[in-house]
Amino acid sequence: MELTGASWRTATRSSNNGGNCVEVADNLPGRVLVRDSKDRTGGTLAFTPAAWRAFVTQAKHRA
């Protein structure tokens, strides 16, 4: 997967978890990338923007 140009940011809800953070890059056309901030060279998940919005909506309702 091509990650060039991805602008990573720490997810808002991850900031107070003692380093257990998720980073999100949502600046690439047609996809949202997610990775573990503790293992940036590990796997990266890719979602369509619609799938990512659905995930975030569900996560907010369960938090």
C-alpha atoms as a PDB file:
ATOM      1  CA  MET A   1       0.000   0.000   0.000  1.00  0.00           C
ATOM      2  CA  GLU A   2       1.358   3.412  -0.952  1.00  0.00           C
ATOM      3  CA  LEU A   3       1.672   5.627   2.142  1.00  0.00           C
ATOM      4  CA  THR A   4       3.516   8.535   0.523  1.00  0.00           C
ATOM      5  CA  GLY A   5       1.790  11.776   1.363  1.00  0.00           C
ATOM      6  CA  ALA A   6      -0.087  10.410   4.373  1.00  0.00           C
ATOM      7  CA  SER A   7      -0.421  13.081   7.051  1.00  0.00           C
ATOM      8  CA  TRP A   8      -0.641  11.204  10.350  1.00  0.00           C
ATOM      9  CA  ARG A   9      -2.291  12.554  13.495  1.00  0.00           C
ATOM     10  CA  THR A  10      -3.010  10.989  16.857  1.00  0.00           C
ATOM     11  CA  ALA A  11      -6.671  10.120  17.226  1.00  0.00           C
ATOM     12  CA  THR A  12      -8.468  12.518  19.564  1.00  0.00           C
ATOM     13  CA  ARG A  13      -9.623   9.833  21.987  1.00  0.00           C
ATOM     14  CA  SER A  14      -6.185   8.222  22.182  1.00  0.00           C
ATOM     15  CA  SER A  15      -4.330  11.172  23.709  1.00  0.00           C
ATOM     16  CA  ASN A  16      -4.724  10.192  27.394  1.00  0.00           C
ATOM     17  CA  ASN A  17      -4.054   6.453  27.168  1.00  0.00           C
ATOM     18  CA  GLY A  18      -0.434   6.370  28.339  1.00  0.00           C
ATOM     19  CA  GLY A  19       1.065   5.904  24.892  1.00  0.00           C
ATOM     20  CA  ASN A  20      -1.552   3.434  23.636  1.00  0.00           C
ATOM     21  CA  CYS A  21      -2.432   5.562  20.648  1.00  0.00           C
ATOM     22  CA  VAL A  22      -3.941   5.121  17.245  1.00  0.00           C
ATOM     23  CA  GLU A  23      -2.796   7.371  14.427  1.00  0.00           C
ATOM     24  CA  VAL A  24      -5.068   8.287  11.544  1.00  0.00           C
ATOM     25  CA  ALA A  25      -4.287   9.699   8.100  1.00  0.00           C
ATOM     26  CA  ASP A  26      -7.414  10.951   6.363  1.00  0.00           C
ATOM     27  CA  ASN A  27      -5.869  13.264   3.781  1.00  0.00           C
ATOM     28  CA  LEU A  28      -5.526  10.747   0.933  1.00  0.00           C
ATOM     29  CA  PRO A  29      -8.292  10.490  -1.660  1.00  0.00           C
ATOM     30  CA  GLY A  30     -10.715   7.625  -1.124  1.00  0.00           C
ATOM     31  CA  ARG A  31      -9.134   6.084   1.960  1.00  0.00           C
ATOM     32  CA  VAL A  32      -8.458   6.526   5.653  1.00  0.00           C
ATOM     33  CA  LEU A  33      -5.355   4.867   7.078  1.00  0.00           C
ATOM     34  CA  VAL A  34      -4.952   3.714  10.694  1.00  0.00           C
ATOM     35  CA  ARG A  35      -1.836   2.483  12.509  1.00  0.00           C
ATOM     36  CA  ASP A  36      -0.500   1.851  16.007  1.00  0.00           C
ATOM     37  CA  SER A  37       1.716   4.720  17.169  1.00  0.00           C
ATOM     38  CA  LYS A  38       3.943   2.289  19.083  1.00  0.00           C
ATOM     39  CA  ASP A  39       4.660   0.242  15.923  1.00  0.00           C
ATOM     40  CA  ARG A  40       4.599   2.664  13.013  1.00  0.00           C
ATOM     41  CA  THR A  41       6.347   0.223  10.699  1.00  0.00           C
ATOM     42  CA  GLY A  42       3.876  -2.536  11.534  1.00  0.00           C
ATOM     43  CA  GLY A  43       0.615  -3.052   9.729  1.00  0.00           C
ATOM     44  CA  THR A  44      -1.595  -0.272   8.466  1.00  0.00           C
ATOM     45  CA  LEU A  45      -5.335  -0.642   8.091  1.00  0.00           C
ATOM     46  CA  ALA A  46      -7.115   1.051   5.186  1.00  0.00           C
ATOM     47  CA  PHE A  47     -10.792   1.997   5.205  1.00  0.00           C
ATOM     48  CA  THR A  48     -13.041   3.768   2.774  1.00  0.00           C
ATOM     49  CA  PRO A  49     -14.169   7.119   4.188  1.00  0.00           C
ATOM     50  CA  ALA A  50     -17.727   5.754   4.578  1.00  0.00           C
ATOM     51  CA  ALA A  51     -16.523   2.674   6.475  1.00  0.00           C
ATOM     52  CA  TRP A  52     -14.344   4.843   8.737  1.00  0.00           C
ATOM     53  CA  ARG A  53     -17.278   7.179   9.529  1.00  0.00           C
ATOM     54  CA  ALA A  54     -19.432   4.157  10.387  1.00  0.00           C
ATOM     55  CA  PHE A  55     -16.702   2.769  12.664  1.00  0.00           C
ATOM     56  CA  VAL A  56     -16.215   6.095  14.466  1.00  0.00           C
ATOM     57  CA  THR A  57     -19.971   6.521  14.903  1.00  0.00           C
ATOM     58  CA  GLN A  58     -20.301   3.071  16.454  1.00  0.00           C
ATOM     59  CA  ALA A  59     -17.250   3.592  18.676  1.00  0.00           C
ATOM     60  CA  LYS A  60     -18.703   6.857  20.017  1.00  0.00           C
ATOM     61  CA  HIS A  61     -21.945   5.092  20.939  1.00  0.00           C
ATOM     62  CA  ARG A  62     -20.091   2.360  22.839  1.00  0.00           C
ATOM     63  CA  ALA A  63     -17.631   4.599  24.710  1.00  0.00           C
END
